[in-house]
Amino acid sequence: MKKSVIAIFAVVIAFAMSGCGTSQPNEWDEYLDKYEAAVDSTVEMGQNASTENMESLLEFAAMAQHVGNMAQEIGANSDKLSSKQAKRLAEITEKLTKASEEFQKKTQQ
């Protein structure tokens, strides 16, 4: 189970690093707000997930998949982001990357 959760998180990060965009700046700002909230929730779930608690791991995996789907949407429209939005995406991705590294360390102990 640990390997599958780690694999899901790795996929999420790969999608998140693939890019971002949409046609109207305000629309993407709102989507980035939702994406950041989802990333924050995923990070929190990862911090609270326990390898002894299967339910917490399943909830975490579901949220990580949701974040991955959002990242795919962003990546498909990366050419439409402003430089400010792209910078924000990079910051959100960095947060997700750090959390992934911490989660991997936690589950390998």
PDB file of N, CA and C in Angstrom:
ATOM      1  N   MET A   1       0.831  -1.193   0.000  1.00  0.00           N
ATOM      2  CA  MET A   1       0.000   0.000   0.000  1.00  0.00           C
ATOM      3  C   MET A   1       0.873   1.255   0.000  1.00  0.00           C
ATOM      4  N   LYS A   2       1.978   1.197   0.770  1.00  0.00           N
ATOM      5  CA  LYS A   2       2.853   2.367   0.829  1.00  0.00           C
ATOM      6  C   LYS A   2       3.356   2.753  -0.556  1.00  0.00           C
ATOM      7  N   LYS A   3       3.763   1.752  -1.330  1.00  0.00           N
ATOM      8  CA  LYS A   3       4.304   2.033  -2.653  1.00  0.00           C
ATOM      9  C   LYS A   3       3.253   2.637  -3.567  1.00  0.00           C
ATOM     10  N   SER A   4       2.001   2.172  -3.464  1.00  0.00           N
ATOM     11  CA  SER A   4       0.965   2.723  -4.337  1.00  0.00           C
ATOM     12  C   SER A   4       0.633   4.157  -3.958  1.00  0.00           C
ATOM     13  N   VAL A   5       0.629   4.482  -2.671  1.00  0.00           N
ATOM     14  CA  VAL A   5       0.368   5.857  -2.247  1.00  0.00           C
ATOM     15  C   VAL A   5       1.498   6.764  -2.716  1.00  0.00           C
ATOM     16  N   ILE A   6       2.713   6.293  -2.564  1.00  0.00           N
ATOM     17  CA  ILE A   6       3.870   7.074  -3.010  1.00  0.00           C
ATOM     18  C   ILE A   6       3.817   7.255  -4.531  1.00  0.00           C
ATOM     19  N   ALA A   7       3.431   6.212  -5.235  1.00  0.00           N
ATOM     20  CA  ALA A   7       3.328   6.306  -6.694  1.00  0.00           C
ATOM     21  C   ALA A   7       2.276   7.321  -7.100  1.00  0.00           C
ATOM     22  N   ILE A   8       1.136   7.308  -6.416  1.00  0.00           N
ATOM     23  CA  ILE A   8       0.072   8.277  -6.715  1.00  0.00           C
ATOM     24  C   ILE A   8       0.588   9.682  -6.478  1.00  0.00           C
ATOM     25  N   PHE A   9       1.271   9.895  -5.377  1.00  0.00           N
ATOM     26  CA  PHE A   9       1.787  11.220  -5.067  1.00  0.00           C
ATOM     27  C   PHE A   9       2.823  11.650  -6.102  1.00  0.00           C
ATOM     28  N   ALA A  10       3.631  10.725  -6.560  1.00  0.00           N
ATOM     29  CA  ALA A  10       4.626  11.043  -7.586  1.00  0.00           C
ATOM     30  C   ALA A  10       3.949  11.457  -8.887  1.00  0.00           C
ATOM     31  N   VAL A  11       2.859  10.775  -9.239  1.00  0.00           N
ATOM     32  CA  VAL A  11       2.113  11.134 -10.443  1.00  0.00           C
ATOM     33  C   VAL A  11       1.537  12.534 -10.306  1.00  0.00           C
ATOM     34  N   VAL A  12       1.004  12.839  -9.124  1.00  0.00           N
ATOM     35  CA  VAL A  12       0.440  14.167  -8.874  1.00  0.00           C
ATOM     36  C   VAL A  12       1.508  15.233  -9.092  1.00  0.00           C
ATOM     37  N   ILE A  13       2.673  15.008  -8.566  1.00  0.00           N
ATOM     38  CA  ILE A  13       3.754  15.984  -8.714  1.00  0.00           C
ATOM     39  C   ILE A  13       4.164  16.107 -10.178  1.00  0.00           C
ATOM     40  N   ALA A  14       4.236  15.010 -10.874  1.00  0.00           N
ATOM     41  CA  ALA A  14       4.608  15.061 -12.297  1.00  0.00           C
ATOM     42  C   ALA A  14       3.609  15.899 -13.083  1.00  0.00           C
ATOM     43  N   PHE A  15       2.324  15.691 -12.822  1.00  0.00           N
ATOM     44  CA  PHE A  15       1.309  16.485 -13.505  1.00  0.00           C
ATOM     45  C   PHE A  15       1.419  17.951 -13.100  1.00  0.00           C
ATOM     46  N   ALA A  16       1.641  18.192 -11.839  1.00  0.00           N
ATOM     47  CA  ALA A  16       1.720  19.571 -11.359  1.00  0.00           C
ATOM     48  C   ALA A  16       2.893  20.309 -11.989  1.00  0.00           C
ATOM     49  N   MET A  17       3.950  19.588 -12.271  1.00  0.00           N
ATOM     50  CA  MET A  17       5.131  20.232 -12.831  1.00  0.00           C
ATOM     51  C   MET A  17       5.027  20.414 -14.343  1.00  0.00           C
ATOM     52  N   SER A  18       3.953  19.885 -14.942  1.00  0.00           N
ATOM     53  CA  SER A  18       3.855  19.914 -16.400  1.00  0.00           C
ATOM     54  C   SER A  18       3.424  21.252 -16.974  1.00  0.00           C
ATOM     55  N   GLY A  19       2.919  22.177 -16.173  1.00  0.00           N
ATOM     56  CA  GLY A  19       2.564  23.480 -16.704  1.00  0.00           C
ATOM     57  C   GLY A  19       1.236  23.994 -16.216  1.00  0.00           C
ATOM     58  N   CYS A  20       0.696  25.079 -16.871  1.00  0.00           N
ATOM     59  CA  CYS A  20      -0.553  25.682 -16.422  1.00  0.00           C
ATOM     60  C   CYS A  20      -1.122  26.679 -17.422  1.00  0.00           C
ATOM     61  N   GLY A  21      -2.496  26.968 -17.414  1.00  0.00           N
ATOM     62  CA  GLY A  21      -3.076  28.010 -18.240  1.00  0.00           C
ATOM     63  C   GLY A  21      -4.577  27.998 -18.447  1.00  0.00           C
ATOM     64  N   THR A  22      -5.210  29.133 -18.908  1.00  0.00           N
ATOM     65  CA  THR A  22      -6.601  29.276 -19.370  1.00  0.00           C
ATOM     66  C   THR A  22      -6.776  30.618 -20.041  1.00  0.00           C
ATOM     67  N   SER A  23      -7.911  30.805 -20.667  1.00  0.00           N
ATOM     68  CA  SER A  23      -8.089  31.942 -21.558  1.00  0.00           C
ATOM     69  C   SER A  23      -8.210  33.296 -20.877  1.00  0.00           C
ATOM     70  N   GLN A  24      -8.840  33.376 -19.732  1.00  0.00           N
ATOM     71  CA  GLN A  24      -9.008  34.662 -19.067  1.00  0.00           C
ATOM     72  C   GLN A  24      -8.261  34.652 -17.733  1.00  0.00           C
ATOM     73  N   PRO A  25      -7.471  35.696 -17.462  1.00  0.00           N
ATOM     74  CA  PRO A  25      -6.675  35.709 -16.233  1.00  0.00           C
ATOM     75  C   PRO A  25      -7.503  35.466 -14.973  1.00  0.00           C
ATOM     76  N   ASN A  26      -8.654  36.086 -14.837  1.00  0.00           N
ATOM     77  CA  ASN A  26      -9.451  35.901 -13.637  1.00  0.00           C
ATOM     78  C   ASN A  26      -9.909  34.457 -13.485  1.00  0.00           C
ATOM     79  N   GLU A  27     -10.260  33.847 -14.588  1.00  0.00           N
ATOM     80  CA  GLU A  27     -10.677  32.439 -14.568  1.00  0.00           C
ATOM     81  C   GLU A  27      -9.551  31.563 -14.028  1.00  0.00           C
ATOM     82  N   TRP A  28      -8.324  31.800 -14.471  1.00  0.00           N
ATOM     83  CA  TRP A  28      -7.194  30.994 -14.001  1.00  0.00           C
ATOM     84  C   TRP A  28      -6.804  31.343 -12.582  1.00  0.00           C
ATOM     85  N   ASP A  29      -6.971  32.586 -12.200  1.00  0.00           N
ATOM     86  CA  ASP A  29      -6.702  32.943 -10.811  1.00  0.00           C
ATOM     87  C   ASP A  29      -7.630  32.162  -9.887  1.00  0.00           C
ATOM     88  N   GLU A  30      -8.900  32.079 -10.268  1.00  0.00           N
ATOM     89  CA  GLU A  30      -9.871  31.318  -9.472  1.00  0.00           C
ATOM     90  C   GLU A  30      -9.516  29.837  -9.464  1.00  0.00           C
ATOM     91  N   TYR A  31      -9.110  29.314 -10.599  1.00  0.00           N
ATOM     92  CA  TYR A  31      -8.744  27.904 -10.667  1.00  0.00           C
ATOM     93  C   TYR A  31      -7.490  27.636  -9.837  1.00  0.00           C
ATOM     94  N   LEU A  32      -6.538  28.552  -9.887  1.00  0.00           N
ATOM     95  CA  LEU A  32      -5.337  28.396  -9.060  1.00  0.00           C
ATOM     96  C   LEU A  32      -5.681  28.466  -7.582  1.00  0.00           C
ATOM     97  N   ASP A  33      -6.663  29.295  -7.210  1.00  0.00           N
ATOM     98  CA  ASP A  33      -7.124  29.324  -5.817  1.00  0.00           C
ATOM     99  C   ASP A  33      -7.642  27.949  -5.402  1.00  0.00           C
ATOM    100  N   LYS A  34      -8.470  27.348  -6.261  1.00  0.00           N
ATOM    101  CA  LYS A  34      -9.024  26.016  -5.983  1.00  0.00           C
ATOM    102  C   LYS A  34      -7.915  24.963  -5.948  1.00  0.00           C
ATOM    103  N   TYR A  35      -6.985  25.086  -6.872  1.00  0.00           N
ATOM    104  CA  TYR A  35      -5.874  24.139  -6.926  1.00  0.00           C
ATOM    105  C   TYR A  35      -5.021  24.243  -5.662  1.00  0.00           C
ATOM    106  N   GLU A  36      -4.725  25.463  -5.256  1.00  0.00           N
ATOM    107  CA  GLU A  36      -3.916  25.639  -4.053  1.00  0.00           C
ATOM    108  C   GLU A  36      -4.637  25.095  -2.821  1.00  0.00           C
ATOM    109  N   ALA A  37      -5.937  25.319  -2.730  1.00  0.00           N
ATOM    110  CA  ALA A  37      -6.710  24.788  -1.607  1.00  0.00           C
ATOM    111  C   ALA A  37      -6.670  23.257  -1.605  1.00  0.00           C
ATOM    112  N   ALA A  38      -6.778  22.665  -2.785  1.00  0.00           N
ATOM    113  CA  ALA A  38      -6.709  21.204  -2.889  1.00  0.00           C
ATOM    114  C   ALA A  38      -5.320  20.694  -2.517  1.00  0.00           C
ATOM    115  N   VAL A  39      -4.293  21.399  -2.957  1.00  0.00           N
ATOM    116  CA  VAL A  39      -2.922  21.022  -2.589  1.00  0.00           C
ATOM    117  C   VAL A  39      -2.748  21.130  -1.078  1.00  0.00           C
ATOM    118  N   ASP A  40      -3.223  22.222  -0.484  1.00  0.00           N
ATOM    119  CA  ASP A  40      -3.112  22.394   0.963  1.00  0.00           C
ATOM    120  C   ASP A  40      -3.816  21.254   1.704  1.00  0.00           C
ATOM    121  N   SER A  41      -5.000  20.869   1.227  1.00  0.00           N
ATOM    122  CA  SER A  41      -5.725  19.757   1.846  1.00  0.00           C
ATOM    123  C   SER A  41      -4.950  18.449   1.707  1.00  0.00           C
ATOM    124  N   THR A  42      -4.368  18.246   0.537  1.00  0.00           N
ATOM    125  CA  THR A  42      -3.590  17.039   0.301  1.00  0.00           C
ATOM    126  C   THR A  42      -2.365  17.000   1.208  1.00  0.00           C
ATOM    127  N   VAL A  43      -1.698  18.130   1.337  1.00  0.00           N
ATOM    128  CA  VAL A  43      -0.529  18.212   2.213  1.00  0.00           C
ATOM    129  C   VAL A  43      -0.936  17.879   3.648  1.00  0.00           C
ATOM    130  N   GLU A  44      -2.030  18.475   4.098  1.00  0.00           N
ATOM    131  CA  GLU A  44      -2.499  18.228   5.468  1.00  0.00           C
ATOM    132  C   GLU A  44      -2.861  16.754   5.662  1.00  0.00           C
ATOM    133  N   MET A  45      -3.557  16.179   4.686  1.00  0.00           N
ATOM    134  CA  MET A  45      -3.911  14.760   4.781  1.00  0.00           C
ATOM    135  C   MET A  45      -2.656  13.890   4.819  1.00  0.00           C
ATOM    136  N   GLY A  46      -1.671  14.245   4.021  1.00  0.00           N
ATOM    137  CA  GLY A  46      -0.424  13.491   4.006  1.00  0.00           C
ATOM    138  C   GLY A  46       0.299  13.558   5.333  1.00  0.00           C
ATOM    139  N   GLN A  47       0.238  14.720   5.972  1.00  0.00           N
ATOM    140  CA  GLN A  47       0.868  14.884   7.274  1.00  0.00           C
ATOM    141  C   GLN A  47       0.147  14.076   8.339  1.00  0.00           C
ATOM    142  N   ASN A  48      -1.170  13.946   8.191  1.00  0.00           N
ATOM    143  CA  ASN A  48      -1.969  13.244   9.192  1.00  0.00           C
ATOM    144  C   ASN A  48      -2.187  11.768   8.874  1.00  0.00           C
ATOM    145  N   ALA A  49      -1.866  11.358   7.652  1.00  0.00           N
ATOM    146  CA  ALA A  49      -2.069   9.964   7.252  1.00  0.00           C
ATOM    147  C   ALA A  49      -1.124   9.061   8.030  1.00  0.00           C
ATOM    148  N   SER A  50      -1.633   7.905   8.334  1.00  0.00           N
ATOM    149  CA  SER A  50      -0.847   6.929   9.075  1.00  0.00           C
ATOM    150  C   SER A  50      -0.839   5.621   8.299  1.00  0.00           C
ATOM    151  N   THR A  51       0.310   4.990   8.239  1.00  0.00           N
ATOM    152  CA  THR A  51       0.399   3.718   7.541  1.00  0.00           C
ATOM    153  C   THR A  51      -0.406   2.639   8.261  1.00  0.00           C
ATOM    154  N   GLU A  52      -0.754   2.888   9.517  1.00  0.00           N
ATOM    155  CA  GLU A  52      -1.578   1.947  10.268  1.00  0.00           C
ATOM    156  C   GLU A  52      -3.069   2.191  10.052  1.00  0.00           C
ATOM    157  N   ASN A  53      -3.428   3.334   9.465  1.00  0.00           N
ATOM    158  CA  ASN A  53      -4.830   3.684   9.284  1.00  0.00           C
ATOM    159  C   ASN A  53      -5.140   3.699   7.786  1.00  0.00           C
ATOM    160  N   MET A  54      -5.705   2.599   7.326  1.00  0.00           N
ATOM    161  CA  MET A  54      -5.982   2.445   5.897  1.00  0.00           C
ATOM    162  C   MET A  54      -6.950   3.519   5.401  1.00  0.00           C
ATOM    163  N   GLU A  55      -7.933   3.884   6.212  1.00  0.00           N
ATOM    164  CA  GLU A  55      -8.910   4.897   5.790  1.00  0.00           C
ATOM    165  C   GLU A  55      -8.226   6.235   5.502  1.00  0.00           C
ATOM    166  N   SER A  56      -7.289   6.635   6.358  1.00  0.00           N
ATOM    167  CA  SER A  56      -6.595   7.909   6.136  1.00  0.00           C
ATOM    168  C   SER A  56      -5.766   7.853   4.859  1.00  0.00           C
ATOM    169  N   LEU A  57      -5.181   6.705   4.576  1.00  0.00           N
ATOM    170  CA  LEU A  57      -4.392   6.560   3.348  1.00  0.00           C
ATOM    171  C   LEU A  57      -5.282   6.598   2.109  1.00  0.00           C
ATOM    172  N   LEU A  58      -6.454   5.986   2.191  1.00  0.00           N
ATOM    173  CA  LEU A  58      -7.376   6.002   1.057  1.00  0.00           C
ATOM    174  C   LEU A  58      -7.906   7.407   0.796  1.00  0.00           C
ATOM    175  N   GLU A  59      -8.228   8.143   1.858  1.00  0.00           N
ATOM    176  CA  GLU A  59      -8.678   9.530   1.695  1.00  0.00           C
ATOM    177  C   GLU A  59      -7.571  10.375   1.078  1.00  0.00           C
ATOM    178  N   PHE A  60      -6.365  10.154   1.551  1.00  0.00           N
ATOM    179  CA  PHE A  60      -5.209  10.870   1.018  1.00  0.00           C
ATOM    180  C   PHE A  60      -5.020  10.552  -0.461  1.00  0.00           C
ATOM    181  N   ALA A  61      -5.103   9.279  -0.809  1.00  0.00           N
ATOM    182  CA  ALA A  61      -4.929   8.869  -2.209  1.00  0.00           C
ATOM    183  C   ALA A  61      -6.000   9.484  -3.101  1.00  0.00           C
ATOM    184  N   ALA A  62      -7.245   9.530  -2.613  1.00  0.00           N
ATOM    185  CA  ALA A  62      -8.332  10.129  -3.401  1.00  0.00           C
ATOM    186  C   ALA A  62      -8.087  11.612  -3.611  1.00  0.00           C
ATOM    187  N   MET A  63      -7.647  12.295  -2.573  1.00  0.00           N
ATOM    188  CA  MET A  63      -7.381  13.734  -2.702  1.00  0.00           C
ATOM    189  C   MET A  63      -6.183  13.969  -3.623  1.00  0.00           C
ATOM    190  N   ALA A  64      -5.184  13.120  -3.510  1.00  0.00           N
ATOM    191  CA  ALA A  64      -4.017  13.247  -4.393  1.00  0.00           C
ATOM    192  C   ALA A  64      -4.422  13.047  -5.853  1.00  0.00           C
ATOM    193  N   GLN A  65      -5.345  12.134  -6.095  1.00  0.00           N
ATOM    194  CA  GLN A  65      -5.827  11.920  -7.461  1.00  0.00           C
ATOM    195  C   GLN A  65      -6.581  13.160  -7.954  1.00  0.00           C
ATOM    196  N   HIS A  66      -7.376  13.758  -7.094  1.00  0.00           N
ATOM    197  CA  HIS A  66      -8.103  14.987  -7.455  1.00  0.00           C
ATOM    198  C   HIS A  66      -7.111  16.096  -7.829  1.00  0.00           C
ATOM    199  N   VAL A  67      -6.083  16.251  -7.033  1.00  0.00           N
ATOM    200  CA  VAL A  67      -5.050  17.258  -7.320  1.00  0.00           C
ATOM    201  C   VAL A  67      -4.379  16.944  -8.652  1.00  0.00           C
ATOM    202  N   GLY A  68      -4.128  15.675  -8.909  1.00  0.00           N
ATOM    203  CA  GLY A  68      -3.531  15.281 -10.186  1.00  0.00           C
ATOM    204  C   GLY A  68      -4.414  15.629 -11.365  1.00  0.00           C
ATOM    205  N   ASN A  69      -5.709  15.422 -11.212  1.00  0.00           N
ATOM    206  CA  ASN A  69      -6.644  15.787 -12.281  1.00  0.00           C
ATOM    207  C   ASN A  69      -6.647  17.289 -12.525  1.00  0.00           C
ATOM    208  N   MET A  70      -6.607  18.043 -11.452  1.00  0.00           N
ATOM    209  CA  MET A  70      -6.558  19.501 -11.588  1.00  0.00           C
ATOM    210  C   MET A  70      -5.258  19.922 -12.276  1.00  0.00           C
ATOM    211  N   ALA A  71      -4.164  19.284 -11.900  1.00  0.00           N
ATOM    212  CA  ALA A  71      -2.871  19.608 -12.501  1.00  0.00           C
ATOM    213  C   ALA A  71      -2.866  19.299 -13.995  1.00  0.00           C
ATOM    214  N   GLN A  72      -3.551  18.236 -14.384  1.00  0.00           N
ATOM    215  CA  GLN A  72      -3.657  17.906 -15.810  1.00  0.00           C
ATOM    216  C   GLN A  72      -4.382  19.020 -16.554  1.00  0.00           C
ATOM    217  N   GLU A  73      -5.455  19.509 -15.982  1.00  0.00           N
ATOM    218  CA  GLU A  73      -6.217  20.598 -16.594  1.00  0.00           C
ATOM    219  C   GLU A  73      -5.336  21.838 -16.752  1.00  0.00           C
ATOM    220  N   ILE A  74      -4.597  22.129 -15.727  1.00  0.00           N
ATOM    221  CA  ILE A  74      -3.699  23.284 -15.780  1.00  0.00           C
ATOM    222  C   ILE A  74      -2.631  23.065 -16.843  1.00  0.00           C
ATOM    223  N   GLY A  75      -2.041  21.879 -16.847  1.00  0.00           N
ATOM    224  CA  GLY A  75      -0.987  21.569 -17.806  1.00  0.00           C
ATOM    225  C   GLY A  75      -1.454  21.661 -19.247  1.00  0.00           C
ATOM    226  N   ALA A  76      -2.698  21.296 -19.469  1.00  0.00           N
ATOM    227  CA  ALA A  76      -3.241  21.346 -20.831  1.00  0.00           C
ATOM    228  C   ALA A  76      -3.422  22.774 -21.326  1.00  0.00           C
ATOM    229  N   ASN A  77      -3.377  23.723 -20.409  1.00  0.00           N
ATOM    230  CA  ASN A  77      -3.604  25.127 -20.761  1.00  0.00           C
ATOM    231  C   ASN A  77      -2.436  26.018 -20.349  1.00  0.00           C
ATOM    232  N   SER A  78      -1.262  25.441 -20.184  1.00  0.00           N
ATOM    233  CA  SER A  78      -0.118  26.192 -19.663  1.00  0.00           C
ATOM    234  C   SER A  78       0.246  27.411 -20.488  1.00  0.00           C
ATOM    235  N   ASP A  79      -0.057  27.379 -21.762  1.00  0.00           N
ATOM    236  CA  ASP A  79       0.283  28.498 -22.629  1.00  0.00           C
ATOM    237  C   ASP A  79      -0.603  29.722 -22.374  1.00  0.00           C
ATOM    238  N   LYS A  80      -1.633  29.568 -21.593  1.00  0.00           N
ATOM    239  CA  LYS A  80      -2.569  30.667 -21.345  1.00  0.00           C
ATOM    240  C   LYS A  80      -2.330  31.387 -20.029  1.00  0.00           C
ATOM    241  N   LEU A  81      -1.365  30.940 -19.250  1.00  0.00           N
ATOM    242  CA  LEU A  81      -1.081  31.580 -17.964  1.00  0.00           C
ATOM    243  C   LEU A  81      -0.246  32.839 -18.147  1.00  0.00           C
ATOM    244  N   SER A  82      -0.531  33.807 -17.310  1.00  0.00           N
ATOM    245  CA  SER A  82       0.328  34.989 -17.270  1.00  0.00           C
ATOM    246  C   SER A  82       1.607  34.606 -16.518  1.00  0.00           C
ATOM    247  N   SER A  83       2.605  35.459 -16.593  1.00  0.00           N
ATOM    248  CA  SER A  83       3.849  35.159 -15.872  1.00  0.00           C
ATOM    249  C   SER A  83       3.608  35.130 -14.360  1.00  0.00           C
ATOM    250  N   LYS A  84       2.733  35.979 -13.880  1.00  0.00           N
ATOM    251  CA  LYS A  84       2.398  35.987 -12.446  1.00  0.00           C
ATOM    252  C   LYS A  84       1.720  34.679 -12.043  1.00  0.00           C
ATOM    253  N   GLN A  85       0.815  34.197 -12.885  1.00  0.00           N
ATOM    254  CA  GLN A  85       0.132  32.936 -12.604  1.00  0.00           C
ATOM    255  C   GLN A  85       1.106  31.757 -12.676  1.00  0.00           C
ATOM    256  N   ALA A  86       1.998  31.786 -13.634  1.00  0.00           N
ATOM    257  CA  ALA A  86       2.996  30.724 -13.758  1.00  0.00           C
ATOM    258  C   ALA A  86       3.900  30.697 -12.526  1.00  0.00           C
ATOM    259  N   LYS A  87       4.256  31.863 -12.028  1.00  0.00           N
ATOM    260  CA  LYS A  87       5.075  31.937 -10.813  1.00  0.00           C
ATOM    261  C   LYS A  87       4.309  31.363  -9.627  1.00  0.00           C
ATOM    262  N   ARG A  88       3.042  31.704  -9.542  1.00  0.00           N
ATOM    263  CA  ARG A  88       2.210  31.179  -8.453  1.00  0.00           C
ATOM    264  C   ARG A  88       2.111  29.657  -8.556  1.00  0.00           C
ATOM    265  N   LEU A  89       1.920  29.159  -9.758  1.00  0.00           N
ATOM    266  CA  LEU A  89       1.860  27.712  -9.950  1.00  0.00           C
ATOM    267  C   LEU A  89       3.156  27.057  -9.481  1.00  0.00           C
ATOM    268  N   ALA A  90       4.282  27.662  -9.804  1.00  0.00           N
ATOM    269  CA  ALA A  90       5.574  27.120  -9.387  1.00  0.00           C
ATOM    270  C   ALA A  90       5.668  27.057  -7.860  1.00  0.00           C
ATOM    271  N   GLU A  91       5.152  28.074  -7.187  1.00  0.00           N
ATOM    272  CA  GLU A  91       5.164  28.091  -5.723  1.00  0.00           C
ATOM    273  C   GLU A  91       4.277  26.988  -5.146  1.00  0.00           C
ATOM    274  N   ILE A  92       3.113  26.797  -5.737  1.00  0.00           N
ATOM    275  CA  ILE A  92       2.206  25.734  -5.286  1.00  0.00           C
ATOM    276  C   ILE A  92       2.855  24.373  -5.529  1.00  0.00           C
ATOM    277  N   THR A  93       3.486  24.212  -6.688  1.00  0.00           N
ATOM    278  CA  THR A  93       4.152  22.960  -7.027  1.00  0.00           C
ATOM    279  C   THR A  93       5.290  22.679  -6.056  1.00  0.00           C
ATOM    280  N   GLU A  94       6.022  23.698  -5.679  1.00  0.00           N
ATOM    281  CA  GLU A  94       7.117  23.534  -4.716  1.00  0.00           C
ATOM    282  C   GLU A  94       6.567  23.042  -3.374  1.00  0.00           C
ATOM    283  N   LYS A  95       5.451  23.593  -2.953  1.00  0.00           N
ATOM    284  CA  LYS A  95       4.805  23.167  -1.705  1.00  0.00           C
ATOM    285  C   LYS A  95       4.443  21.684  -1.795  1.00  0.00           C
ATOM    286  N   LEU A  96       3.884  21.289  -2.910  1.00  0.00           N
ATOM    287  CA  LEU A  96       3.487  19.901  -3.125  1.00  0.00           C
ATOM    288  C   LEU A  96       4.706  18.984  -3.169  1.00  0.00           C
ATOM    289  N   THR A  97       5.765  19.426  -3.812  1.00  0.00           N
ATOM    290  CA  THR A  97       6.991  18.639  -3.898  1.00  0.00           C
ATOM    291  C   THR A  97       7.596  18.400  -2.521  1.00  0.00           C
ATOM    292  N   LYS A  98       7.681  19.443  -1.716  1.00  0.00           N
ATOM    293  CA  LYS A  98       8.233  19.310  -0.360  1.00  0.00           C
ATOM    294  C   LYS A  98       7.384  18.363   0.474  1.00  0.00           C
ATOM    295  N   ALA A  99       6.078  18.498   0.365  1.00  0.00           N
ATOM    296  CA  ALA A  99       5.183  17.627   1.119  1.00  0.00           C
ATOM    297  C   ALA A  99       5.343  16.172   0.677  1.00  0.00           C
ATOM    298  N   SER A 100       5.534  15.959  -0.611  1.00  0.00           N
ATOM    299  CA  SER A 100       5.729  14.612  -1.126  1.00  0.00           C
ATOM    300  C   SER A 100       7.000  13.992  -0.553  1.00  0.00           C
ATOM    301  N   GLU A 101       8.053  14.775  -0.528  1.00  0.00           N
ATOM    302  CA  GLU A 101       9.316  14.283   0.029  1.00  0.00           C
ATOM    303  C   GLU A 101       9.152  13.924   1.500  1.00  0.00           C
ATOM    304  N   GLU A 102       8.450  14.768   2.256  1.00  0.00           N
ATOM    305  CA  GLU A 102       8.216  14.491   3.674  1.00  0.00           C
ATOM    306  C   GLU A 102       7.365  13.235   3.851  1.00  0.00           C
ATOM    307  N   PHE A 103       6.341  13.091   2.999  1.00  0.00           N
ATOM    308  CA  PHE A 103       5.476  11.921   3.092  1.00  0.00           C
ATOM    309  C   PHE A 103       6.268  10.648   2.787  1.00  0.00           C
ATOM    310  N   GLN A 104       7.120  10.692   1.786  1.00  0.00           N
ATOM    311  CA  GLN A 104       7.929   9.531   1.441  1.00  0.00           C
ATOM    312  C   GLN A 104       8.828   9.140   2.612  1.00  0.00           C
ATOM    313  N   LYS A 105       9.459  10.128   3.246  1.00  0.00           N
ATOM    314  CA  LYS A 105      10.311   9.835   4.404  1.00  0.00           C
ATOM    315  C   LYS A 105       9.490   9.212   5.523  1.00  0.00           C
ATOM    316  N   LYS A 106       8.313   9.763   5.743  1.00  0.00           N
ATOM    317  CA  LYS A 106       7.435   9.281   6.812  1.00  0.00           C
ATOM    318  C   LYS A 106       7.018   7.828   6.579  1.00  0.00           C
ATOM    319  N   THR A 107       6.689   7.481   5.356  1.00  0.00           N
ATOM    320  CA  THR A 107       6.210   6.133   5.072  1.00  0.00           C
ATOM    321  C   THR A 107       7.332   5.116   4.962  1.00  0.00           C
ATOM    322  N   GLN A 108       8.553   5.571   4.827  1.00  0.00           N
ATOM    323  CA  GLN A 108       9.684   4.649   4.727  1.00  0.00           C
ATOM    324  C   GLN A 108      10.244   4.295   6.092  1.00  0.00           C
ATOM    325  N   GLN A 109       9.774   4.942   7.110  1.00  0.00           N
ATOM    326  CA  GLN A 109      10.301   4.679   8.469  1.00  0.00           C
ATOM    327  C   GLN A 109       9.728   3.436   9.058  1.00  0.00           C
TER     328      GLN A 109
END
